[in-house]
Amino acid sequence: MPQLSLHSPLGDLTVSEEEGSIVALDWGWGSLQEPTPLLHQAVAQLHEYFDRTRTSFDLPLNPAGTAFRQGVWRELVRIPYGETRSYLDIARAVGCKAARAVGGANGSNPIPILIPCHRVVGANGSLGGYSGGEGPATKRYLLTLEAHAQGRGILR
């Protein structure tokens, strides 16, 4: 599977491609660097995101998961840059009664950042969990990055 890594403010990230779509974004430097035009495009878009010059991604994504998880991830992509939704909001949007199930789908998202699971927070405004990088600190960084780019200052 072709992979390409990049240095980011969150540490090294590796993007993976399969059959013309991005299928994974992992923390760490991948051992197999096999650049493709799509992977170069993904890395460029991630750099723009971290530089606060990109607010959405224009990449073909194909995360592997159950039909339920796929539905949750499609809903996550609809959350506008710099905004958040609660786990309950997402559950309602996908026709599920259990916000906890949305939390499970978020935690299994194979393409974080590009599928912005960091934009999902608790109904009371709490951060909730985050399975990537340094956990909640990484989530806070991503939310603060987007808040600054939107001119809203630091996320509390």
Foldseek 3Di string as FASTA:
>chain_A
DAKAWDQAPLGIWIWDDDPQFTAAIAHDGDPHHDDDVLNVLVVVQVVCVRVLNDFADDTHHDYDDDPLLVQLLVVLNVAGQLAAEELCVSCVVSVHRDSVVSVVSLAPRRYDPNSPSLRYDHPVRHRDWHNGRPISVVSLVRNQSRCVSVVNHHDD
